[in-house]
């Protein structure tokens, strides 16, 4: 009704990323870096948490959340 397109007879195709293009590789490498960064940070947090538990220290700073046991 209010569309500026009158006909779809001569419609063309627009590709944003083609197979093995620079955009595909950039997105793939970015996703890989984000995943590896997340995994490294997770391992660091777990190591810190286990060390704090062994030393009878709170894992996170601040007051204990509701339902958590009191800090040592």
Protein backbone atom coordinates (compact mmCIF):
# COMPACT_ATOMS: atom_id res chain seq x y z
CA UNK A 1 0.00 0.00 0.00
CA UNK A 2 2.68 2.54 1.01
CA UNK A 3 5.70 0.59 -0.30
CA UNK A 4 7.98 2.33 -2.82
CA UNK A 5 8.46 -1.05 -4.53
CA UNK A 6 6.01 -1.53 -7.39
CA UNK A 7 7.21 -4.90 -8.67
CA UNK A 8 9.55 -7.71 -7.68
CA UNK A 9 10.11 -8.88 -11.27
CA UNK A 10 13.68 -7.56 -11.59
CA UNK A 11 14.75 -8.09 -7.98
CA UNK A 12 18.46 -8.78 -7.51
CA UNK A 13 20.41 -10.66 -4.90
CA UNK A 14 22.66 -8.94 -2.36
CA UNK A 15 25.26 -11.04 -0.55
CA UNK A 16 26.77 -9.62 2.62
CA UNK A 17 29.37 -12.37 3.10
CA UNK A 18 30.37 -14.90 0.49
CA UNK A 19 31.94 -18.25 1.16
CA UNK A 20 35.51 -17.91 2.51
CA UNK A 21 35.40 -14.11 2.24
CA UNK A 22 37.18 -11.71 4.57
CA UNK A 23 33.98 -11.08 6.54
CA UNK A 24 33.44 -14.78 7.18
CA UNK A 25 37.02 -15.19 8.43
CA UNK A 26 36.79 -12.08 10.63
CA UNK A 27 33.58 -13.26 12.27
CA UNK A 28 35.00 -16.77 12.73
CA UNK A 29 38.22 -15.50 14.30
CA UNK A 30 36.30 -13.08 16.53
CA UNK A 31 34.02 -15.89 17.73
CA UNK A 32 37.05 -18.11 18.41
CA UNK A 33 38.81 -15.36 20.39
CA UNK A 34 35.68 -14.65 22.44
CA UNK A 35 35.24 -18.36 23.23
CA UNK A 36 38.88 -18.84 24.22
CA UNK A 37 38.80 -15.65 26.32
CA UNK A 38 35.67 -16.85 28.10
CA UNK A 39 37.22 -20.25 28.77
CA UNK A 40 40.48 -18.75 30.12
CA UNK A 41 38.56 -16.36 32.40
CA UNK A 42 36.37 -19.21 33.66
CA UNK A 43 39.42 -21.29 34.57
CA UNK A 44 40.99 -18.29 36.36
CA UNK A 45 37.81 -17.73 38.38
CA UNK A 46 37.52 -21.39 39.33
CA UNK A 47 41.15 -21.52 40.45
CA UNK A 48 40.63 -18.40 42.57
CA UNK A 49 37.41 -19.78 44.05
CA UNK A 50 38.95 -23.11 45.04
CA UNK A 51 41.98 -21.36 46.54
CA UNK A 52 39.68 -19.09 48.58
CA UNK A 53 37.66 -22.07 49.79
CA UNK A 54 40.80 -23.91 50.88
CA UNK A 55 42.04 -20.80 52.73
CA UNK A 56 38.59 -20.30 54.35
CA UNK A 57 38.15 -16.90 52.71
CA UNK A 58 35.03 -15.57 50.97
CA UNK A 59 35.09 -16.21 47.23
CA UNK A 60 33.42 -12.91 46.29
CA UNK A 61 33.74 -9.59 48.12
CA UNK A 62 30.74 -8.08 49.82
CA UNK A 63 27.98 -9.39 52.04
CA UNK A 64 26.79 -12.95 51.70
CA UNK A 65 23.69 -13.36 49.57
CA UNK A 66 20.49 -14.59 51.11
CA UNK A 67 20.60 -18.31 51.74
CA UNK A 68 24.39 -18.57 51.63
CA UNK A 69 26.28 -19.75 54.68
CA UNK A 70 28.11 -17.10 56.67
CA UNK A 71 31.70 -16.33 55.74
CA UNK A 72 34.49 -17.94 57.71
